[in-house]
Amino acid sequence: MKITNDTLLRAARGEKVEHTPVWFMRQAGRSQPEYREIKKKYSLEEITRQPELCAYVTKLPVDNYNVDAAILYKDIVTPLPGMGVDVEIKAGIGPVISNPIRSVADVENLQQFDPETHVPFVLETIEMLTKEQLTVPLIGFAGAPFTLASYMIEGGPSKSYNKTKAFMVSEPQAWYALMEKLADMIIIDIKAQVKAGASAVQIFDSWVGALNVEDYRLYIKPVMTRIFTELRETGVPLITFGVGASHLANEWHDLPVDVVGLDWRLSIEEARQRGITKTVQGNLDPSYLIGSWDEVEKRARRIVEQGVAHPGHIFNLGHGVFPEVDPDVLKRLTDLVHTYSRELISQKSN
């Protein structure tokens, strides 16, 4: 189907918009009653392997909340089995890997990823959504090398990333080899998603905030530069995002990206003062969504005001929606952002 609402794409490129576009990380699933019914029968992996069902879950928040984009329903570790990583997503825990990376040999044993062979169901879902169902952009995505490596080295979720950081600094040959292998996979995966119909891309470097600026520049920034440089060939807007990484925002701004994602720790106003001129995305703290509506409205209005003050803002949360959030609050929030931003933009242009 043809995209009739391209507001997010225009905002991502810093172009004129009539209202601030909205989408929410983890908008598909978790807090939606329809999704919880599906989860009684199917796991995340089982949903992603059934294109019709996965497309339904992906499109559901567009229908329910009137958001300006859909984001593909899958997990950042979905491609890893294609590389020979034995990963299982365990309820209440997250991705658990039974063959963690420990040496250069382990890195060398990783296989080459082929989307059409290893995740054909993902590509079929994208094609179904973009050709038959959506009139808003579909955001494709991948995990970034550090975040994927943290699961692959730790063997699962971590709060400290001690093993990952120790491996990074003590086994630099293996680390850089792992970064390149993951970069190869990410570039191939994202290009396949765009070819199938995704019209924007977000790279989630969820846990890179665990690093300081010096280590980021040395161990991460070169591979991220390579990834985004090669993905520029796709012609779609590129978004980068991490959690607890405000100290890296200017490093991200240096990358060949269109949009710098912000969590709630760094305001849009402060980001602009730091010299971030690209489109920004964010950044309401999702915790407030289970509080009073008055507080949600007050904070959302402030974010919209800061976003409208400088061209280029996509409204989002500072991280993902969690299960306790009332879907009606997300619909109400979307309406508020649309209405209030339209009013401010109209005033600004007069």
Protein backbone atom coordinates (compact mmCIF):
# COMPACT_ATOMS: atom_id res chain seq x y z
CA MET A 1 0.00 0.00 0.00
CA LYS A 2 1.05 3.58 -0.50
CA ILE A 3 2.28 5.58 2.50
CA THR A 4 -0.26 8.37 2.96
CA ASN A 5 1.21 9.64 6.24
CA ASP A 6 4.92 10.29 5.73
CA THR A 7 5.26 12.72 8.64
CA LEU A 8 7.87 10.61 10.41
CA LEU A 9 10.04 10.38 7.29
CA ARG A 10 9.90 14.13 6.76
CA ALA A 11 10.66 14.87 10.40
CA ALA A 12 13.59 12.45 10.33
CA ARG A 13 15.07 14.44 7.46
CA GLY A 14 14.45 17.77 9.17
CA GLU A 15 11.76 18.78 6.69
CA LYS A 16 8.59 20.74 7.37
CA VAL A 17 5.78 18.85 9.12
CA GLU A 18 2.23 19.75 10.14
CA HIS A 19 2.48 17.92 13.46
CA THR A 20 5.12 16.13 15.52
CA PRO A 21 5.10 12.43 14.56
CA VAL A 22 4.72 9.84 17.30
CA TRP A 23 5.66 6.21 17.76
CA PHE A 24 6.53 4.28 20.89
CA MET A 25 9.31 1.79 21.43
CA ARG A 26 7.75 -1.59 22.25
CA GLN A 27 4.38 -0.25 21.14
CA ALA A 28 3.63 -3.67 19.60
CA GLY A 29 2.83 -6.15 22.34
CA ARG A 30 3.26 -6.28 26.10
CA SER A 31 0.61 -3.80 27.27
CA GLN A 32 -2.01 -4.66 24.63
CA PRO A 33 -4.80 -7.05 25.72
CA GLU A 34 -5.05 -8.48 22.19
CA TYR A 35 -1.36 -9.31 22.31
CA ARG A 36 -1.59 -10.92 25.72
CA GLU A 37 -4.26 -13.26 24.38
CA ILE A 38 -1.93 -14.25 21.53
CA LYS A 39 0.92 -14.81 23.99
CA LYS A 40 -1.16 -17.40 25.82
CA LYS A 41 -0.73 -19.60 22.75
CA TYR A 42 2.54 -18.49 21.15
CA SER A 43 6.04 -17.44 22.21
CA LEU A 44 7.78 -14.39 20.74
CA GLU A 45 9.76 -16.64 18.41
CA GLU A 46 6.64 -18.48 17.29
CA ILE A 47 4.87 -15.20 16.52
CA THR A 48 7.78 -13.89 14.44
CA ARG A 49 7.81 -17.12 12.41
CA GLN A 50 4.16 -16.67 11.38
CA PRO A 51 4.06 -13.66 9.04
CA GLU A 52 0.28 -13.13 9.18
CA LEU A 53 0.28 -13.17 12.98
CA CYS A 54 3.45 -11.06 13.21
CA ALA A 55 2.02 -8.51 10.79
CA TYR A 56 -1.15 -8.32 12.89
CA VAL A 57 0.86 -7.65 16.07
CA THR A 58 3.02 -5.05 14.29
CA LYS A 59 0.02 -3.17 12.87
CA LEU A 60 -2.13 -3.31 16.00
CA PRO A 61 -0.74 -0.15 17.69
CA VAL A 62 -1.16 1.82 14.46
CA ASP A 63 -4.83 0.94 14.50
CA ASN A 64 -5.27 1.38 18.25
CA TYR A 65 -3.17 4.48 18.95
CA ASN A 66 -3.05 6.31 15.58
CA VAL A 67 0.75 6.49 15.75
CA ASP A 68 2.71 7.73 12.74
CA ALA A 69 4.80 4.59 12.23
CA ALA A 70 4.85 0.88 12.87
CA ILE A 71 7.95 -0.90 14.11
CA LEU A 72 8.55 -4.47 13.09
CA TYR A 73 7.73 -6.98 15.82
CA LYS A 74 10.79 -9.14 16.45
CA ASP A 75 13.74 -9.33 18.81
CA ILE A 76 17.24 -7.96 18.27
CA VAL A 77 18.62 -11.52 18.67
CA THR A 78 16.38 -12.96 15.92
CA PRO A 79 19.26 -13.08 13.37
CA LEU A 80 21.81 -14.68 15.75
CA PRO A 81 20.83 -18.35 15.23
CA GLY A 82 21.71 -17.82 11.56
CA MET A 83 25.27 -17.07 12.72
CA GLY A 84 25.42 -20.28 14.74
CA VAL A 85 24.53 -18.72 18.10
CA ASP A 86 22.41 -20.99 20.29
CA VAL A 87 19.97 -18.46 21.74
CA GLU A 88 16.67 -18.93 23.54
CA ILE A 89 14.39 -16.13 24.70
CA LYS A 90 13.27 -17.20 28.16
CA ALA A 91 10.18 -15.64 29.72
CA GLY A 92 11.02 -13.21 32.50
CA ILE A 93 14.74 -13.36 31.68
CA GLY A 94 15.38 -12.45 28.05
CA PRO A 95 17.86 -13.91 25.56
CA VAL A 96 19.95 -16.74 27.01
CA ILE A 97 22.91 -18.07 25.00
CA SER A 98 24.33 -21.53 25.68
CA ASN A 99 27.49 -21.13 23.56
CA PRO A 100 28.91 -17.77 24.66
CA ILE A 101 31.92 -16.17 22.99
CA ARG A 102 35.15 -16.76 24.91
CA SER A 103 37.97 -16.63 22.33
CA VAL A 104 39.10 -15.65 18.85
CA ALA A 105 38.26 -19.19 17.75
CA ASP A 106 34.66 -18.73 18.87
CA VAL A 107 34.44 -15.54 16.78
CA GLU A 108 35.98 -17.25 13.75
CA ASN A 109 33.41 -20.05 14.03
CA LEU A 110 30.50 -17.63 13.59
CA GLN A 111 28.70 -18.29 10.32
CA GLN A 112 27.74 -15.82 7.60
CA PHE A 113 24.18 -14.57 7.93
CA ASP A 114 21.79 -14.80 4.99
CA PRO A 115 18.35 -13.19 5.56
CA GLU A 116 16.56 -15.13 2.82
CA THR A 117 17.82 -18.42 4.25
CA HIS A 118 17.79 -17.70 7.98
CA VAL A 119 14.88 -15.26 8.49
CA PRO A 120 12.62 -15.50 5.41
CA PHE A 121 9.61 -15.10 7.71
CA VAL A 122 10.81 -11.61 8.72
CA LEU A 123 11.06 -10.50 5.11
CA GLU A 124 7.64 -11.98 4.32
CA THR A 125 6.13 -10.08 7.25
CA ILE A 126 7.63 -6.81 6.03
CA GLU A 127 6.35 -7.37 2.49
CA MET A 128 2.88 -8.23 3.76
CA LEU A 129 2.74 -5.09 5.90
CA THR A 130 4.13 -2.63 3.38
CA LYS A 131 2.40 -3.99 0.27
CA GLU A 132 -1.02 -4.81 1.74
CA GLN A 133 -1.66 -3.24 5.14
CA LEU A 134 0.20 -0.09 6.25
CA THR A 135 -0.28 3.51 5.16
CA VAL A 136 2.39 4.74 7.60
CA PRO A 137 6.13 3.96 7.46
CA LEU A 138 7.39 0.64 8.78
CA ILE A 139 10.54 0.97 10.87
CA GLY A 140 12.96 -1.91 10.49
CA PHE A 141 15.64 -2.45 13.10
CA ALA A 142 18.65 -4.34 14.36
CA GLY A 143 20.68 -4.53 17.52
CA ALA A 144 24.05 -2.76 17.43
CA PRO A 145 27.33 -4.69 17.76
CA PHE A 146 28.06 -3.81 21.40
CA THR A 147 24.58 -4.75 22.58
CA LEU A 148 24.55 -8.02 20.64
CA ALA A 149 28.08 -8.79 21.79
CA SER A 150 27.06 -8.22 25.40
CA TYR A 151 24.50 -11.04 25.14
CA MET A 152 26.92 -13.26 23.22
CA ILE A 153 29.73 -12.82 25.75
CA GLU A 154 27.73 -12.66 28.99
CA GLY A 155 25.51 -15.54 27.91
CA GLY A 156 22.40 -13.50 28.67
CA PRO A 157 21.22 -10.18 30.14
CA SER A 158 23.62 -8.36 32.46
CA LYS A 159 23.50 -5.35 34.75
CA SER A 160 27.23 -4.67 34.77
CA TYR A 161 28.58 -6.06 31.45
CA ASN A 162 31.76 -6.99 33.32
CA LYS A 163 32.63 -9.95 31.08
CA THR A 164 31.91 -7.94 27.94
CA LYS A 165 34.07 -4.98 28.92
CA ALA A 166 36.87 -7.24 30.18
CA PHE A 167 36.82 -9.16 26.88
CA MET A 168 36.81 -5.89 24.94
CA VAL A 169 39.95 -4.51 26.57
CA SER A 170 41.89 -7.75 27.15
CA GLU A 171 41.12 -9.51 23.84
CA PRO A 172 41.17 -6.64 21.33
CA GLN A 173 41.89 -8.89 18.33
CA ALA A 174 38.88 -11.06 19.10
CA TRP A 175 36.76 -7.99 19.95
CA TYR A 176 37.39 -6.18 16.68
CA ALA A 177 36.83 -9.41 14.73
CA LEU A 178 33.50 -9.85 16.52
CA MET A 179 32.53 -6.25 15.79
CA GLU A 180 33.18 -6.75 12.07
CA LYS A 181 31.25 -10.02 11.92
CA LEU A 182 28.29 -8.43 13.64
CA ALA A 183 28.55 -5.38 11.38
CA ASP A 184 28.45 -7.65 8.34
CA MET A 185 25.29 -9.28 9.68
CA ILE A 186 23.59 -5.99 10.57
CA ILE A 187 24.30 -4.41 7.18
CA ILE A 188 23.04 -7.47 5.28
CA ASP A 189 19.99 -7.78 7.55
CA ILE A 190 18.96 -4.11 7.33
CA LYS A 191 19.46 -3.92 3.58
CA ALA A 192 17.19 -6.95 3.23
CA GLN A 193 14.57 -5.31 5.48
CA VAL A 194 14.63 -2.14 3.38
CA LYS A 195 14.47 -4.11 0.14
CA ALA A 196 11.39 -5.90 1.54
CA GLY A 197 9.70 -2.56 2.28
CA ALA A 198 10.95 -0.95 5.53
CA SER A 199 11.15 2.82 4.98
CA ALA A 200 13.16 3.82 8.08
CA VAL A 201 15.65 2.01 10.30
CA GLN A 202 16.57 2.15 13.98
CA ILE A 203 19.74 0.61 15.38
CA PHE A 204 19.31 -0.23 19.05
CA ASP A 205 22.55 0.07 20.99
CA SER A 206 20.57 -0.46 24.15
CA TRP A 207 23.42 -1.19 26.56
CA VAL A 208 26.31 0.87 25.16
CA GLY A 209 25.76 3.48 27.87
CA ALA A 210 27.84 1.16 30.07
CA LEU A 211 30.94 2.50 28.28
CA ASN A 212 32.69 5.81 28.81
CA VAL A 213 33.31 8.19 25.90
CA GLU A 214 36.97 7.18 25.47
CA ASP A 215 36.16 3.47 25.17
CA TYR A 216 33.23 4.19 22.88
CA ARG A 217 35.49 6.11 20.51
CA LEU A 218 38.11 3.37 20.52
CA TYR A 219 36.08 0.17 20.52
CA ILE A 220 32.64 1.07 19.10
CA LYS A 221 32.53 4.24 17.03
CA PRO A 222 34.58 2.89 14.08
CA VAL A 223 32.24 -0.04 13.53
CA MET A 224 29.14 2.15 13.95
CA THR A 225 30.54 4.58 11.40
CA ARG A 226 31.03 1.70 8.97
CA ILE A 227 27.50 0.37 9.54
CA PHE A 228 25.73 3.69 9.04
CA THR A 229 27.95 4.68 6.12
CA GLU A 230 27.03 1.49 4.26
CA LEU A 231 23.36 1.79 5.24
CA ARG A 232 23.19 5.30 3.77
CA GLU A 233 23.09 3.50 0.41
CA THR A 234 19.53 2.41 1.24
CA GLY A 235 18.29 6.00 1.13
CA VAL A 236 16.03 5.57 4.19
CA PRO A 237 16.28 7.62 7.42
CA LEU A 238 18.66 6.11 9.97
CA ILE A 239 18.01 6.36 13.72
CA THR A 240 20.41 5.47 16.53
CA PHE A 241 19.32 4.90 20.13
CA GLY A 242 20.68 3.71 23.47
CA VAL A 243 19.69 3.83 27.14
CA GLY A 244 21.61 5.67 29.84
CA ALA A 245 23.94 7.05 27.19
CA SER A 246 23.47 10.81 27.33
CA HIS A 247 27.25 11.19 27.56
CA LEU A 248 27.46 9.62 24.08
CA ALA A 249 24.84 11.78 22.36
CA ASN A 250 27.42 13.98 20.65
CA GLU A 251 29.34 10.90 19.52
CA TRP A 252 26.15 9.63 17.87
CA HIS A 253 25.60 13.03 16.28
CA ASP A 254 28.98 12.59 14.56
CA LEU A 255 27.80 9.36 12.94
CA PRO A 256 26.22 9.40 9.45
CA VAL A 257 22.71 9.15 10.92
CA ASP A 258 19.58 11.23 10.44
CA VAL A 259 18.11 10.94 13.94
CA VAL A 260 19.69 10.88 17.41
CA GLY A 261 17.53 9.04 19.93
CA LEU A 262 17.43 10.45 23.46
CA ASP A 263 16.28 8.82 26.65
CA TRP A 264 14.73 10.87 29.47
CA ARG A 265 18.08 11.72 31.08
CA LEU A 266 18.92 14.34 28.45
CA SER A 267 16.31 16.94 27.52
CA ILE A 268 15.87 18.06 23.93
CA GLU A 269 16.70 21.60 25.00
CA GLU A 270 19.99 20.52 26.57
CA ALA A 271 20.84 18.37 23.56
CA ARG A 272 20.42 21.42 21.32
CA GLN A 273 22.62 23.45 23.65
CA ARG A 274 25.29 20.76 23.29
CA GLY A 275 25.31 21.31 19.55
CA ILE A 276 23.08 18.46 18.39
CA THR A 277 21.42 19.89 15.28
CA LYS A 278 20.06 16.71 13.69
CA THR A 279 16.53 15.46 14.25
CA VAL A 280 16.10 14.08 17.77
CA GLN A 281 13.75 11.38 18.96
CA GLY A 282 12.27 11.06 22.43
CA ASN A 283 11.95 11.28 25.26
CA LEU A 284 9.21 10.87 27.89
CA ASP A 285 10.13 8.61 30.78
CA PRO A 286 7.83 5.57 30.30
CA SER A 287 7.46 5.22 34.08
CA TYR A 288 5.24 8.30 34.10
CA LEU A 289 2.68 6.49 31.95
CA ILE A 290 1.42 4.60 35.01
CA GLY A 291 1.13 7.80 37.04
CA SER A 292 -1.42 10.60 36.87
CA TRP A 293 -2.55 11.87 33.48
CA ASP A 294 -1.97 15.46 34.59
CA GLU A 295 1.73 14.72 35.04
CA VAL A 296 1.96 12.87 31.72
CA GLU A 297 0.30 15.79 29.95
CA LYS A 298 2.52 18.40 31.60
CA ARG A 299 5.73 16.59 30.71
CA ALA A 300 4.60 15.67 27.20
CA ARG A 301 3.67 19.28 26.45
CA ARG A 302 7.12 20.42 27.59
CA ILE A 303 8.81 17.86 25.31
CA VAL A 304 6.62 18.92 22.36
CA GLU A 305 7.47 22.59 23.00
CA GLN A 306 11.19 21.84 23.02
CA GLY A 307 10.82 19.75 19.87
CA VAL A 308 8.91 22.38 17.92
CA ALA A 309 11.42 25.09 18.88
CA HIS A 310 13.96 23.56 16.46
CA PRO A 311 13.16 21.69 13.24
CA GLY A 312 13.32 17.93 13.53
CA HIS A 313 11.60 16.06 16.37
CA ILE A 314 9.98 12.64 16.60
CA PHE A 315 8.05 12.08 19.84
CA ASN A 316 8.80 8.81 21.61
CA LEU A 317 9.51 7.43 25.04
CA GLY A 318 12.94 7.34 26.60
CA HIS A 319 12.74 3.55 26.46
CA GLY A 320 10.06 0.95 25.79
CA VAL A 321 6.43 0.57 26.86
CA PHE A 322 6.11 -1.92 29.70
CA PRO A 323 3.21 -4.28 30.49
CA GLU A 324 1.54 -2.16 33.19
CA VAL A 325 0.85 0.74 30.83
CA ASP A 326 -2.83 1.29 29.96
CA PRO A 327 -3.23 1.30 26.14
CA ASP A 328 -5.76 4.12 26.48
CA VAL A 329 -3.01 6.32 27.92
CA LEU A 330 -0.90 5.75 24.80
CA LYS A 331 -3.82 6.66 22.56
CA ARG A 332 -4.53 9.76 24.61
CA LEU A 333 -0.84 10.72 24.56
CA THR A 334 -0.65 10.34 20.77
CA ASP A 335 -3.70 12.58 20.38
CA LEU A 336 -2.19 15.17 22.72
CA VAL A 337 1.13 15.30 20.85
CA HIS A 338 -0.60 15.56 17.49
CA THR A 339 -3.02 18.28 18.60
CA TYR A 340 -0.63 20.38 20.67
CA SER A 341 2.22 20.25 18.16
CA ARG A 342 -0.13 21.15 15.31
CA GLU A 343 -1.22 24.20 17.31
CA LEU A 344 2.37 25.26 18.07
CA ILE A 345 3.60 24.71 14.51
CA SER A 346 0.65 26.71 13.15
CA GLN A 347 1.41 29.58 15.52
CA LYS A 348 5.08 29.49 14.60
CA SER A 349 4.38 29.71 10.86
CA ASN A 350 1.97 32.66 11.19
